[in-house]
Amino acid sequence: MARGQNFWRSRTAVGLWLLAMALVIMGMVTIGGLTRLTGSGLSITEWDPIMGAIPPLSDMQWADAFAKYRRIPQYILENRGMDLEAFKGIFWWEWTHRFLGRMLGVLFAVPFAWFAWTGAIKREEWPRMLILFALGGLQGFIGWWMVQSGLETRVSVSQYRLAIHLGAAILLLGALLWIGLEYLRGLKSGPRPANRAYVMVALVYVQMLLGALVAGLHAGLLYNTWPDMDGRVFPEGPFSVSPWWLNPFENPGLAQFDHRIGAYLVAACAAVIYFSGLKLTGLAKKSAKAVAAITAAQAGLGIVTLLMQAPEGLAAFHQVAAATLFCAAVWHAYELRHAS
């Protein structure tokens, strides 16, 4: 009994808790991707942090929620004629995504209070934990800000706000993983710089933001050939949007092209990490191999997803694989930074 009590007061327990929180974030990224792919993200037109956790429980409440959805452009222009049962199908995706966000706050706050009280998290470490909690709360605000962009004039959310929403989630994921490893492993920084590993983390992060732009612009439904783009090197009319500097963000063809280039850069960096990693030992070497293997799998998955015109299941798996690659890159950066 004493040994079990000591475990729940240990830094190892803190590390495992933070890694479990990272898994919850991965789940949210997965559900969020499916919510977007199924067109469900605008099905709940109000944001109520407390009472919104309770779904409609009566026919009258369902009718009220459906009536509010029928007032927005997505229903009027795309889903006119949808019945209540079909609405429930998209409602549950969005409700589940928001419910996970609420649960994330509880799953963070309660264990943090315990670990802080027992001393497993030292007082001088409280600030960064509170920053993690604040980032999680900010993510909720960003999510509602994103939804608002699709309630009045658009039939889908802004691709910019979608990218910011995903980007904030991935930053939180990386921070939880890194700090969790610090508690779990208890290693001190070694003399080895982790420059190439940091570059990989940055490249994967930017690539995921480019993927969010592709998703927001539905650019995955264009140019479904590889390695060419319907027989071209560049998309047709790559700078047709005015002013010209908006094209990477608002021209679907150029957004897809940029995402392809980003994939090639990630693959090149992964190759460097793999061959450099052959000289390493232990977990540093294993993490380098993991980065290379996941990159290869993700590249193949991306090509298949493109060729098949982004079916929901593959597109969601592609996003989850990207988040997994980001985690592997963060892990390798940690191992390389702490290698003796």
C-alpha atoms as a PDB file:
ATOM      1  CA  MET A   1       0.000   0.000   0.000  1.00  0.00           C
ATOM      2  CA  ALA A   2       2.791   2.397   0.938  1.00  0.00           C
ATOM      3  CA  ARG A   3       4.542   1.769  -2.368  1.00  0.00           C
ATOM      4  CA  GLY A   4       1.329   2.599  -4.273  1.00  0.00           C
ATOM      5  CA  GLN A   5       0.844   5.753  -2.237  1.00  0.00           C
ATOM      6  CA  ASN A   6       4.419   6.819  -2.950  1.00  0.00           C
ATOM      7  CA  PHE A   7       3.893   6.266  -6.681  1.00  0.00           C
ATOM      8  CA  TRP A   8       0.991   8.721  -6.812  1.00  0.00           C
ATOM      9  CA  ARG A   9       3.224  11.298  -5.158  1.00  0.00           C
ATOM     10  CA  SER A  10       6.152  10.693  -7.529  1.00  0.00           C
ATOM     11  CA  ARG A  11       7.494  12.600 -10.518  1.00  0.00           C
ATOM     12  CA  THR A  12       7.039   9.437 -12.585  1.00  0.00           C
ATOM     13  CA  ALA A  13       3.301   9.665 -11.957  1.00  0.00           C
ATOM     14  CA  VAL A  14       3.369  13.310 -13.075  1.00  0.00           C
ATOM     15  CA  GLY A  15       5.144  12.326 -16.282  1.00  0.00           C
ATOM     16  CA  LEU A  16       2.656   9.558 -17.059  1.00  0.00           C
ATOM     17  CA  TRP A  17      -0.229  11.944 -16.355  1.00  0.00           C
ATOM     18  CA  LEU A  18       1.158  14.522 -18.804  1.00  0.00           C
ATOM     19  CA  LEU A  19       1.688  11.858 -21.470  1.00  0.00           C
ATOM     20  CA  ALA A  20      -1.907  10.723 -20.922  1.00  0.00           C
ATOM     21  CA  MET A  21      -3.005  14.347 -21.443  1.00  0.00           C
ATOM     22  CA  ALA A  22      -1.045  14.346 -24.697  1.00  0.00           C
ATOM     23  CA  LEU A  23      -3.022  11.263 -25.768  1.00  0.00           C
ATOM     24  CA  VAL A  24      -6.255  13.132 -25.034  1.00  0.00           C
ATOM     25  CA  ILE A  25      -5.040  15.961 -27.279  1.00  0.00           C
ATOM     26  CA  MET A  26      -4.354  13.370 -29.986  1.00  0.00           C
ATOM     27  CA  GLY A  27      -7.921  12.149 -29.563  1.00  0.00           C
ATOM     28  CA  MET A  28      -9.211  15.693 -29.907  1.00  0.00           C
ATOM     29  CA  VAL A  29      -7.172  16.210 -33.077  1.00  0.00           C
ATOM     30  CA  THR A  30      -8.675  12.994 -34.473  1.00  0.00           C
ATOM     31  CA  ILE A  31     -12.259  13.901 -33.578  1.00  0.00           C
ATOM     32  CA  GLY A  32     -11.673  17.459 -34.764  1.00  0.00           C
ATOM     33  CA  GLY A  33     -10.493  16.212 -38.143  1.00  0.00           C
ATOM     34  CA  LEU A  34     -13.526  13.968 -38.522  1.00  0.00           C
ATOM     35  CA  THR A  35     -15.781  16.836 -37.424  1.00  0.00           C
ATOM     36  CA  ARG A  36     -14.388  18.967 -40.221  1.00  0.00           C
ATOM     37  CA  LEU A  37     -14.489  16.195 -42.811  1.00  0.00           C
ATOM     38  CA  THR A  38     -18.134  15.382 -42.048  1.00  0.00           C
ATOM     39  CA  GLY A  39     -19.129  19.040 -42.205  1.00  0.00           C
ATOM     40  CA  SER A  40     -20.235  18.911 -38.569  1.00  0.00           C
ATOM     41  CA  GLY A  41     -18.306  21.835 -37.118  1.00  0.00           C
ATOM     42  CA  LEU A  42     -21.118  24.372 -37.498  1.00  0.00           C
ATOM     43  CA  SER A  43     -23.919  22.187 -36.171  1.00  0.00           C
ATOM     44  CA  ILE A  44     -23.819  23.808 -32.707  1.00  0.00           C
ATOM     45  CA  THR A  45     -24.324  27.538 -33.227  1.00  0.00           C
ATOM     46  CA  GLU A  46     -23.857  28.681 -29.633  1.00  0.00           C
ATOM     47  CA  TRP A  47     -21.020  28.515 -27.145  1.00  0.00           C
ATOM     48  CA  ASP A  48     -21.948  27.780 -23.558  1.00  0.00           C
ATOM     49  CA  PRO A  49     -18.923  26.486 -21.603  1.00  0.00           C
ATOM     50  CA  ILE A  50     -21.032  25.133 -18.719  1.00  0.00           C
ATOM     51  CA  MET A  51     -24.529  24.152 -19.854  1.00  0.00           C
ATOM     52  CA  GLY A  52     -23.278  23.324 -23.345  1.00  0.00           C
ATOM     53  CA  ALA A  53     -21.850  20.116 -21.893  1.00  0.00           C
ATOM     54  CA  ILE A  54     -25.427  18.765 -21.708  1.00  0.00           C
ATOM     55  CA  PRO A  55     -26.765  17.701 -25.140  1.00  0.00           C
ATOM     56  CA  PRO A  56     -30.458  18.048 -26.092  1.00  0.00           C
ATOM     57  CA  LEU A  57     -32.471  15.624 -23.983  1.00  0.00           C
ATOM     58  CA  SER A  58     -35.999  16.148 -25.285  1.00  0.00           C
ATOM     59  CA  ASP A  59     -37.734  16.465 -28.645  1.00  0.00           C
ATOM     60  CA  MET A  60     -38.300  20.151 -27.931  1.00  0.00           C
ATOM     61  CA  GLN A  61     -34.599  20.761 -27.253  1.00  0.00           C
ATOM     62  CA  TRP A  62     -33.591  18.918 -30.425  1.00  0.00           C
ATOM     63  CA  ALA A  63     -36.108  20.958 -32.434  1.00  0.00           C
ATOM     64  CA  ASP A  64     -34.663  24.174 -30.969  1.00  0.00           C
ATOM     65  CA  ALA A  65     -31.072  23.206 -31.798  1.00  0.00           C
ATOM     66  CA  PHE A  66     -32.078  22.236 -35.332  1.00  0.00           C
ATOM     67  CA  ALA A  67     -34.004  25.501 -35.813  1.00  0.00           C
ATOM     68  CA  LYS A  68     -30.880  27.482 -34.917  1.00  0.00           C
ATOM     69  CA  TYR A  69     -28.807  25.463 -37.393  1.00  0.00           C
ATOM     70  CA  ARG A  70     -31.344  26.098 -40.171  1.00  0.00           C
ATOM     71  CA  ARG A  71     -30.660  29.839 -39.893  1.00  0.00           C
ATOM     72  CA  ILE A  72     -26.979  29.674 -40.892  1.00  0.00           C
ATOM     73  CA  PRO A  73     -25.599  29.761 -44.470  1.00  0.00           C
ATOM     74  CA  GLN A  74     -24.323  26.174 -44.387  1.00  0.00           C
ATOM     75  CA  TYR A  75     -27.858  24.825 -44.056  1.00  0.00           C
ATOM     76  CA  ILE A  76     -29.436  27.390 -46.404  1.00  0.00           C
ATOM     77  CA  LEU A  77     -26.891  26.985 -49.198  1.00  0.00           C
ATOM     78  CA  GLU A  78     -25.633  23.412 -48.805  1.00  0.00           C
ATOM     79  CA  ASN A  79     -27.858  21.300 -46.567  1.00  0.00           C
ATOM     80  CA  ARG A  80     -31.352  22.601 -47.255  1.00  0.00           C
ATOM     81  CA  GLY A  81     -33.820  19.765 -46.826  1.00  0.00           C
ATOM     82  CA  MET A  82     -31.748  17.966 -44.169  1.00  0.00           C
ATOM     83  CA  ASP A  83     -34.041  16.210 -41.687  1.00  0.00           C
ATOM     84  CA  LEU A  84     -33.674  16.062 -37.915  1.00  0.00           C
ATOM     85  CA  GLU A  85     -32.064  12.600 -37.901  1.00  0.00           C
ATOM     86  CA  ALA A  86     -29.370  13.736 -40.330  1.00  0.00           C
ATOM     87  CA  PHE A  87     -28.797  16.827 -38.190  1.00  0.00           C
ATOM     88  CA  LYS A  88     -28.296  14.631 -35.136  1.00  0.00           C
ATOM     89  CA  GLY A  89     -25.596  12.763 -37.070  1.00  0.00           C
ATOM     90  CA  ILE A  90     -23.481  15.899 -37.515  1.00  0.00           C
ATOM     91  CA  PHE A  91     -24.414  17.335 -34.103  1.00  0.00           C
ATOM     92  CA  TRP A  92     -22.870  14.437 -32.175  1.00  0.00           C
ATOM     93  CA  TRP A  93     -19.487  14.849 -33.873  1.00  0.00           C
ATOM     94  CA  GLU A  94     -19.236  18.492 -32.820  1.00  0.00           C
ATOM     95  CA  TRP A  95     -20.652  17.839 -29.349  1.00  0.00           C
ATOM     96  CA  THR A  96     -18.121  15.055 -28.767  1.00  0.00           C
ATOM     97  CA  HIS A  97     -15.261  17.321 -29.834  1.00  0.00           C
ATOM     98  CA  ARG A  98     -16.385  20.069 -27.441  1.00  0.00           C
ATOM     99  CA  PHE A  99     -17.036  17.593 -24.641  1.00  0.00           C
ATOM    100  CA  LEU A 100     -13.477  16.264 -24.931  1.00  0.00           C
ATOM    101  CA  GLY A 101     -12.239  19.844 -24.616  1.00  0.00           C
ATOM    102  CA  ARG A 102     -14.206  20.299 -21.402  1.00  0.00           C
ATOM    103  CA  MET A 103     -12.961  16.969 -20.058  1.00  0.00           C
ATOM    104  CA  LEU A 104      -9.406  18.027 -20.860  1.00  0.00           C
ATOM    105  CA  GLY A 105      -9.749  20.922 -18.426  1.00  0.00           C
ATOM    106  CA  VAL A 106     -11.013  18.637 -15.650  1.00  0.00           C
ATOM    107  CA  LEU A 107      -8.397  15.956 -16.349  1.00  0.00           C
ATOM    108  CA  PHE A 108      -5.709  18.614 -16.038  1.00  0.00           C
ATOM    109  CA  ALA A 109      -6.952  20.678 -13.094  1.00  0.00           C
ATOM    110  CA  VAL A 110      -7.777  17.865 -10.639  1.00  0.00           C
ATOM    111  CA  PRO A 111      -4.518  15.854 -10.939  1.00  0.00           C
ATOM    112  CA  PHE A 112      -2.496  19.083 -10.971  1.00  0.00           C
ATOM    113  CA  ALA A 113      -4.064  20.111  -7.650  1.00  0.00           C
ATOM    114  CA  TRP A 114      -3.182  16.709  -6.180  1.00  0.00           C
ATOM    115  CA  PHE A 115       0.408  16.679  -7.455  1.00  0.00           C
ATOM    116  CA  ALA A 116       0.943  20.273  -6.330  1.00  0.00           C
ATOM    117  CA  TRP A 117      -0.416  19.478  -2.849  1.00  0.00           C
ATOM    118  CA  THR A 118       1.739  16.364  -2.449  1.00  0.00           C
ATOM    119  CA  GLY A 119       4.881  18.107  -3.730  1.00  0.00           C
ATOM    120  CA  ALA A 120       5.313  15.887  -6.793  1.00  0.00           C
ATOM    121  CA  ILE A 121       5.131  19.143  -8.752  1.00  0.00           C
ATOM    122  CA  LYS A 122       7.421  21.608  -6.989  1.00  0.00           C
ATOM    123  CA  ARG A 123       6.243  25.146  -6.311  1.00  0.00           C
ATOM    124  CA  GLU A 124       8.744  26.632  -8.750  1.00  0.00           C
ATOM    125  CA  GLU A 125       7.231  24.376 -11.464  1.00  0.00           C
ATOM    126  CA  TRP A 126       3.684  25.628 -10.949  1.00  0.00           C
ATOM    127  CA  PRO A 127       3.947  28.552 -13.414  1.00  0.00           C
ATOM    128  CA  ARG A 128       4.613  26.398 -16.464  1.00  0.00           C
ATOM    129  CA  MET A 129       1.787  24.056 -15.473  1.00  0.00           C
ATOM    130  CA  LEU A 130      -0.549  27.024 -15.193  1.00  0.00           C
ATOM    131  CA  ILE A 131       0.626  28.156 -18.628  1.00  0.00           C
ATOM    132  CA  LEU A 132      -0.320  24.722 -20.007  1.00  0.00           C
ATOM    133  CA  PHE A 133      -3.762  25.070 -18.406  1.00  0.00           C
ATOM    134  CA  ALA A 134      -4.145  28.579 -19.853  1.00  0.00           C
ATOM    135  CA  LEU A 135      -3.182  27.291 -23.317  1.00  0.00           C
ATOM    136  CA  GLY A 136      -5.903  24.652 -23.041  1.00  0.00           C
ATOM    137  CA  GLY A 137      -8.458  27.303 -22.102  1.00  0.00           C
ATOM    138  CA  LEU A 138      -7.281  29.567 -24.910  1.00  0.00           C
ATOM    139  CA  GLN A 139      -7.793  26.669 -27.319  1.00  0.00           C
ATOM    140  CA  GLY A 140     -11.475  26.619 -26.367  1.00  0.00           C
ATOM    141  CA  PHE A 141     -11.800  30.331 -27.182  1.00  0.00           C
ATOM    142  CA  ILE A 142      -9.972  29.836 -30.484  1.00  0.00           C
ATOM    143  CA  GLY A 143     -12.331  26.982 -31.354  1.00  0.00           C
ATOM    144  CA  TRP A 144     -15.412  29.155 -30.835  1.00  0.00           C
ATOM    145  CA  TRP A 145     -13.746  32.041 -32.714  1.00  0.00           C
ATOM    146  CA  MET A 146     -13.229  29.606 -35.586  1.00  0.00           C
ATOM    147  CA  VAL A 147     -16.853  28.435 -35.529  1.00  0.00           C
ATOM    148  CA  GLN A 148     -18.099  32.044 -35.543  1.00  0.00           C
ATOM    149  CA  SER A 149     -16.407  32.592 -38.909  1.00  0.00           C
ATOM    150  CA  GLY A 150     -18.872  30.160 -40.526  1.00  0.00           C
ATOM    151  CA  LEU A 151     -22.137  31.308 -38.961  1.00  0.00           C
ATOM    152  CA  GLU A 152     -23.016  34.460 -40.902  1.00  0.00           C
ATOM    153  CA  THR A 153     -21.669  34.612 -44.458  1.00  0.00           C
ATOM    154  CA  ARG A 154     -19.588  31.458 -45.089  1.00  0.00           C
ATOM    155  CA  VAL A 155     -20.672  27.845 -45.483  1.00  0.00           C
ATOM    156  CA  SER A 156     -17.507  26.625 -43.709  1.00  0.00           C
ATOM    157  CA  VAL A 157     -15.047  28.040 -41.230  1.00  0.00           C
ATOM    158  CA  SER A 158     -12.186  30.359 -42.191  1.00  0.00           C
ATOM    159  CA  GLN A 159      -9.091  28.448 -43.284  1.00  0.00           C
ATOM    160  CA  TYR A 160      -6.979  30.918 -41.291  1.00  0.00           C
ATOM    161  CA  ARG A 161      -8.838  30.257 -38.059  1.00  0.00           C
ATOM    162  CA  LEU A 162      -8.790  26.524 -38.751  1.00  0.00           C
ATOM    163  CA  ALA A 163      -4.994  26.646 -39.075  1.00  0.00           C
ATOM    164  CA  ILE A 164      -4.668  28.672 -35.858  1.00  0.00           C
ATOM    165  CA  HIS A 165      -6.959  26.237 -34.018  1.00  0.00           C
ATOM    166  CA  LEU A 166      -4.948  23.215 -35.144  1.00  0.00           C
ATOM    167  CA  GLY A 167      -1.656  25.013 -34.583  1.00  0.00           C
ATOM    168  CA  ALA A 168      -2.526  25.865 -30.980  1.00  0.00           C
ATOM    169  CA  ALA A 169      -3.531  22.250 -30.318  1.00  0.00           C
ATOM    170  CA  ILE A 170      -0.245  20.946 -31.723  1.00  0.00           C
ATOM    171  CA  LEU A 171       1.782  23.423 -29.643  1.00  0.00           C
ATOM    172  CA  LEU A 172      -0.015  22.197 -26.533  1.00  0.00           C
ATOM    173  CA  LEU A 173       0.604  18.592 -27.589  1.00  0.00           C
ATOM    174  CA  GLY A 174       4.325  19.224 -27.998  1.00  0.00           C
ATOM    175  CA  ALA A 175       4.611  21.040 -24.660  1.00  0.00           C
ATOM    176  CA  LEU A 176       2.810  18.242 -22.797  1.00  0.00           C
ATOM    177  CA  LEU A 177       5.031  15.622 -24.392  1.00  0.00           C
ATOM    178  CA  TRP A 178       8.292  17.449 -23.697  1.00  0.00           C
ATOM    179  CA  ILE A 179       7.468  18.298 -20.077  1.00  0.00           C
ATOM    180  CA  GLY A 180       6.073  14.803 -19.534  1.00  0.00           C
ATOM    181  CA  LEU A 181       9.361  13.323 -20.713  1.00  0.00           C
ATOM    182  CA  GLU A 182      11.260  15.612 -18.355  1.00  0.00           C
ATOM    183  CA  TYR A 183       9.316  14.288 -15.382  1.00  0.00           C
ATOM    184  CA  LEU A 184       9.409  10.696 -16.575  1.00  0.00           C
ATOM    185  CA  ARG A 185      13.064  10.528 -17.515  1.00  0.00           C
ATOM    186  CA  GLY A 186      14.587  13.116 -15.178  1.00  0.00           C
ATOM    187  CA  LEU A 187      17.492  13.758 -17.551  1.00  0.00           C
ATOM    188  CA  LYS A 188      19.650  16.867 -17.586  1.00  0.00           C
ATOM    189  CA  SER A 189      20.562  18.670 -20.785  1.00  0.00           C
ATOM    190  CA  GLY A 190      23.711  17.293 -22.354  1.00  0.00           C
ATOM    191  CA  PRO A 191      26.317  19.035 -24.506  1.00  0.00           C
ATOM    192  CA  ARG A 192      24.836  17.774 -27.766  1.00  0.00           C
ATOM    193  CA  PRO A 193      22.866  20.428 -29.709  1.00  0.00           C
ATOM    194  CA  ALA A 194      19.622  19.277 -31.262  1.00  0.00           C
ATOM    195  CA  ASN A 195      19.550  21.672 -34.204  1.00  0.00           C
ATOM    196  CA  ARG A 196      18.472  19.227 -36.891  1.00  0.00           C
ATOM    197  CA  ALA A 197      15.832  17.776 -34.591  1.00  0.00           C
ATOM    198  CA  TYR A 198      14.449  21.247 -33.866  1.00  0.00           C
ATOM    199  CA  VAL A 199      14.357  21.929 -37.604  1.00  0.00           C
ATOM    200  CA  MET A 200      12.329  18.741 -38.069  1.00  0.00           C
ATOM    201  CA  VAL A 201       9.871  19.783 -35.359  1.00  0.00           C
ATOM    202  CA  ALA A 202       9.456  23.190 -37.008  1.00  0.00           C
ATOM    203  CA  LEU A 203       9.053  21.706 -40.498  1.00  0.00           C
ATOM    204  CA  VAL A 204       6.385  19.224 -39.393  1.00  0.00           C
ATOM    205  CA  TYR A 205       4.554  21.974 -37.520  1.00  0.00           C
ATOM    206  CA  VAL A 206       4.518  24.304 -40.539  1.00  0.00           C
ATOM    207  CA  GLN A 207       3.505  21.389 -42.765  1.00  0.00           C
ATOM    208  CA  MET A 208       0.519  20.709 -40.530  1.00  0.00           C
ATOM    209  CA  LEU A 209      -0.524  24.361 -40.779  1.00  0.00           C
ATOM    210  CA  LEU A 210      -0.239  24.118 -44.575  1.00  0.00           C
ATOM    211  CA  GLY A 211      -2.396  20.984 -44.385  1.00  0.00           C
ATOM    212  CA  ALA A 212      -5.003  22.957 -42.436  1.00  0.00           C
ATOM    213  CA  LEU A 213      -5.071  25.558 -45.217  1.00  0.00           C
ATOM    214  CA  VAL A 214      -5.514  22.764 -47.768  1.00  0.00           C
ATOM    215  CA  ALA A 215      -8.384  21.346 -45.711  1.00  0.00           C
ATOM    216  CA  GLY A 216     -10.015  24.733 -45.218  1.00  0.00           C
ATOM    217  CA  LEU A 217      -9.873  25.487 -48.943  1.00  0.00           C
ATOM    218  CA  HIS A 218     -10.932  21.918 -49.915  1.00  0.00           C
ATOM    219  CA  ALA A 219      -7.764  21.902 -52.018  1.00  0.00           C
ATOM    220  CA  GLY A 220      -7.336  18.164 -51.602  1.00  0.00           C
ATOM    221  CA  LEU A 221     -10.113  17.683 -54.160  1.00  0.00           C
ATOM    222  CA  LEU A 222      -8.007  19.377 -56.852  1.00  0.00           C
ATOM    223  CA  TYR A 223      -5.070  18.011 -58.854  1.00  0.00           C
ATOM    224  CA  ASN A 224      -5.457  14.418 -57.747  1.00  0.00           C
ATOM    225  CA  THR A 225      -2.344  13.183 -59.535  1.00  0.00           C
ATOM    226  CA  TRP A 226       1.238  12.724 -58.332  1.00  0.00           C
ATOM    227  CA  PRO A 227       4.048  13.720 -58.747  1.00  0.00           C
ATOM    228  CA  ASP A 228       2.622  16.126 -61.348  1.00  0.00           C
ATOM    229  CA  MET A 229      -0.453  18.339 -60.913  1.00  0.00           C
ATOM    230  CA  ASP A 230      -2.710  17.175 -63.761  1.00  0.00           C
ATOM    231  CA  GLY A 231       0.337  17.136 -66.062  1.00  0.00           C
ATOM    232  CA  ARG A 232       1.755  20.412 -64.742  1.00  0.00           C
ATOM    233  CA  VAL A 233       4.617  21.270 -62.418  1.00  0.00           C
ATOM    234  CA  PHE A 234       2.684  24.243 -61.021  1.00  0.00           C
ATOM    235  CA  PRO A 235      -1.077  24.586 -60.591  1.00  0.00           C
ATOM    236  CA  GLU A 236      -3.048  26.579 -63.126  1.00  0.00           C
ATOM    237  CA  GLY A 237      -3.284  30.262 -62.243  1.00  0.00           C
ATOM    238  CA  PRO A 238      -1.003  30.094 -59.194  1.00  0.00           C
ATOM    239  CA  PHE A 239      -1.219  33.868 -58.645  1.00  0.00           C
ATOM    240  CA  SER A 240      -4.759  34.555 -59.816  1.00  0.00           C
ATOM    241  CA  VAL A 241      -5.891  35.933 -56.454  1.00  0.00           C
ATOM    242  CA  SER A 242      -5.375  39.657 -55.883  1.00  0.00           C
ATOM    243  CA  PRO A 243      -3.338  40.923 -54.126  1.00  0.00           C
ATOM    244  CA  TRP A 244      -0.711  38.368 -55.129  1.00  0.00           C
ATOM    245  CA  TRP A 245       0.567  37.719 -51.605  1.00  0.00           C
ATOM    246  CA  LEU A 246      -2.767  36.170 -50.600  1.00  0.00           C
ATOM    247  CA  ASN A 247      -2.381  33.309 -53.066  1.00  0.00           C
ATOM    248  CA  PRO A 248      -0.550  30.908 -50.705  1.00  0.00           C
ATOM    249  CA  PHE A 249      -3.469  31.263 -48.289  1.00  0.00           C
ATOM    250  CA  GLU A 250      -6.506  31.631 -50.561  1.00  0.00           C
ATOM    251  CA  ASN A 251      -5.626  29.984 -53.877  1.00  0.00           C
ATOM    252  CA  PRO A 252      -6.498  26.258 -53.500  1.00  0.00           C
ATOM    253  CA  GLY A 253      -4.108  25.118 -56.211  1.00  0.00           C
ATOM    254  CA  LEU A 254      -1.132  26.988 -54.791  1.00  0.00           C
ATOM    255  CA  ALA A 255      -2.015  25.852 -51.252  1.00  0.00           C
ATOM    256  CA  GLN A 256      -1.825  22.238 -52.405  1.00  0.00           C
ATOM    257  CA  PHE A 257       1.459  22.919 -54.214  1.00  0.00           C
ATOM    258  CA  ASP A 258       2.954  24.459 -51.059  1.00  0.00           C
ATOM    259  CA  HIS A 259       1.815  21.434 -49.044  1.00  0.00           C
ATOM    260  CA  ARG A 260       3.570  19.137 -51.525  1.00  0.00           C
ATOM    261  CA  ILE A 261       6.797  21.144 -51.268  1.00  0.00           C
ATOM    262  CA  GLY A 262       6.523  21.051 -47.486  1.00  0.00           C
ATOM    263  CA  ALA A 263       6.258  17.257 -47.633  1.00  0.00           C
ATOM    264  CA  TYR A 264       9.449  17.019 -49.684  1.00  0.00           C
ATOM    265  CA  LEU A 265      11.306  19.217 -47.163  1.00  0.00           C
ATOM    266  CA  VAL A 266      10.057  17.088 -44.254  1.00  0.00           C
ATOM    267  CA  ALA A 267      11.155  13.920 -46.068  1.00  0.00           C
ATOM    268  CA  ALA A 268      14.621  15.365 -46.754  1.00  0.00           C
ATOM    269  CA  CYS A 269      15.066  16.378 -43.124  1.00  0.00           C
ATOM    270  CA  ALA A 270      13.881  12.936 -41.969  1.00  0.00           C
ATOM    271  CA  ALA A 271      16.524  11.329 -44.197  1.00  0.00           C
ATOM    272  CA  VAL A 272      19.230  13.487 -42.593  1.00  0.00           C
ATOM    273  CA  ILE A 273      17.981  12.519 -39.131  1.00  0.00           C
ATOM    274  CA  TYR A 274      17.953   8.834 -40.047  1.00  0.00           C
ATOM    275  CA  PHE A 275      21.513   8.699 -41.377  1.00  0.00           C
ATOM    276  CA  SER A 276      22.804  10.901 -38.551  1.00  0.00           C
ATOM    277  CA  GLY A 277      20.949   8.716 -36.096  1.00  0.00           C
ATOM    278  CA  LEU A 278      22.859   5.621 -37.184  1.00  0.00           C
ATOM    279  CA  LYS A 279      25.826   7.015 -35.246  1.00  0.00           C
ATOM    280  CA  LEU A 280      23.780   7.404 -32.063  1.00  0.00           C
ATOM    281  CA  THR A 281      22.910   4.877 -29.382  1.00  0.00           C
ATOM    282  CA  GLY A 282      19.977   4.071 -27.136  1.00  0.00           C
ATOM    283  CA  LEU A 283      16.717   5.974 -27.350  1.00  0.00           C
ATOM    284  CA  ALA A 284      18.299   8.747 -29.411  1.00  0.00           C
ATOM    285  CA  LYS A 285      18.943   6.220 -32.186  1.00  0.00           C
ATOM    286  CA  LYS A 286      15.520   4.603 -31.806  1.00  0.00           C
ATOM    287  CA  SER A 287      13.752   7.952 -31.953  1.00  0.00           C
ATOM    288  CA  ALA A 288      15.670   8.875 -35.119  1.00  0.00           C
ATOM    289  CA  LYS A 289      14.513   5.642 -36.748  1.00  0.00           C
ATOM    290  CA  ALA A 290      10.961   6.310 -35.583  1.00  0.00           C
ATOM    291  CA  VAL A 291      10.990   9.760 -37.199  1.00  0.00           C
ATOM    292  CA  ALA A 292      12.196   8.289 -40.503  1.00  0.00           C
ATOM    293  CA  ALA A 293       9.715   5.396 -40.474  1.00  0.00           C
ATOM    294  CA  ILE A 294       6.694   7.553 -39.634  1.00  0.00           C
ATOM    295  CA  THR A 295       7.737  10.113 -42.256  1.00  0.00           C
ATOM    296  CA  ALA A 296       7.877   7.411 -44.930  1.00  0.00           C
ATOM    297  CA  ALA A 297       4.487   6.047 -43.892  1.00  0.00           C
ATOM    298  CA  GLN A 298       2.974   9.526 -43.777  1.00  0.00           C
ATOM    299  CA  ALA A 299       4.333  10.387 -47.232  1.00  0.00           C
ATOM    300  CA  GLY A 300       2.798   7.244 -48.706  1.00  0.00           C
ATOM    301  CA  LEU A 301      -0.479   7.891 -46.918  1.00  0.00           C
ATOM    302  CA  GLY A 302      -0.553  11.464 -48.185  1.00  0.00           C
ATOM    303  CA  ILE A 303      -0.048  10.350 -51.784  1.00  0.00           C
ATOM    304  CA  VAL A 304      -2.783   7.711 -51.537  1.00  0.00           C
ATOM    305  CA  THR A 305      -5.150  10.206 -49.911  1.00  0.00           C
ATOM    306  CA  LEU A 306      -4.518  12.658 -52.742  1.00  0.00           C
ATOM    307  CA  LEU A 307      -4.957  10.088 -55.504  1.00  0.00           C
ATOM    308  CA  MET A 308      -8.246   8.904 -53.977  1.00  0.00           C
ATOM    309  CA  GLN A 309      -9.570  12.471 -53.670  1.00  0.00           C
ATOM    310  CA  ALA A 310      -9.338  12.676 -49.884  1.00  0.00           C
ATOM    311  CA  PRO A 311     -11.946  10.191 -48.600  1.00  0.00           C
ATOM    312  CA  GLU A 312     -12.967  10.942 -45.004  1.00  0.00           C
ATOM    313  CA  GLY A 313     -11.268   7.977 -43.365  1.00  0.00           C
ATOM    314  CA  LEU A 314      -7.944   8.384 -45.135  1.00  0.00           C
ATOM    315  CA  ALA A 315      -7.919  12.158 -44.681  1.00  0.00           C
ATOM    316  CA  ALA A 316      -8.524  11.775 -40.939  1.00  0.00           C
ATOM    317  CA  PHE A 317      -5.809   9.104 -40.684  1.00  0.00           C
ATOM    318  CA  HIS A 318      -3.444  11.408 -42.573  1.00  0.00           C
ATOM    319  CA  GLN A 319      -3.995  14.140 -39.968  1.00  0.00           C
ATOM    320  CA  VAL A 320      -3.493  11.746 -37.059  1.00  0.00           C
ATOM    321  CA  ALA A 321      -0.313  10.419 -38.662  1.00  0.00           C
ATOM    322  CA  ALA A 322       0.952  13.995 -38.977  1.00  0.00           C
ATOM    323  CA  ALA A 323       0.367  14.571 -35.260  1.00  0.00           C
ATOM    324  CA  THR A 324       2.150  11.284 -34.531  1.00  0.00           C
ATOM    325  CA  LEU A 325       5.118  12.395 -36.635  1.00  0.00           C
ATOM    326  CA  PHE A 326       5.208  15.680 -34.724  1.00  0.00           C
ATOM    327  CA  CYS A 327       5.336  13.723 -31.457  1.00  0.00           C
ATOM    328  CA  ALA A 328       8.151  11.549 -32.791  1.00  0.00           C
ATOM    329  CA  ALA A 329      10.092  14.649 -33.841  1.00  0.00           C
ATOM    330  CA  VAL A 330       9.647  16.200 -30.379  1.00  0.00           C
ATOM    331  CA  TRP A 331      10.742  12.924 -28.770  1.00  0.00           C
ATOM    332  CA  HIS A 332      13.872  12.793 -30.932  1.00  0.00           C
ATOM    333  CA  ALA A 333      14.675  16.427 -30.111  1.00  0.00           C
ATOM    334  CA  TYR A 334      14.367  15.600 -26.410  1.00  0.00           C
ATOM    335  CA  GLU A 335      16.595  12.530 -26.669  1.00  0.00           C
ATOM    336  CA  LEU A 336      19.191  14.340 -28.744  1.00  0.00           C
ATOM    337  CA  ARG A 337      19.214  17.340 -26.412  1.00  0.00           C
ATOM    338  CA  HIS A 338      19.708  15.132 -23.378  1.00  0.00           C
ATOM    339  CA  ALA A 339      22.165  12.637 -24.885  1.00  0.00           C
ATOM    340  CA  SER A 340      25.466  12.506 -23.037  1.00  0.00           C
END
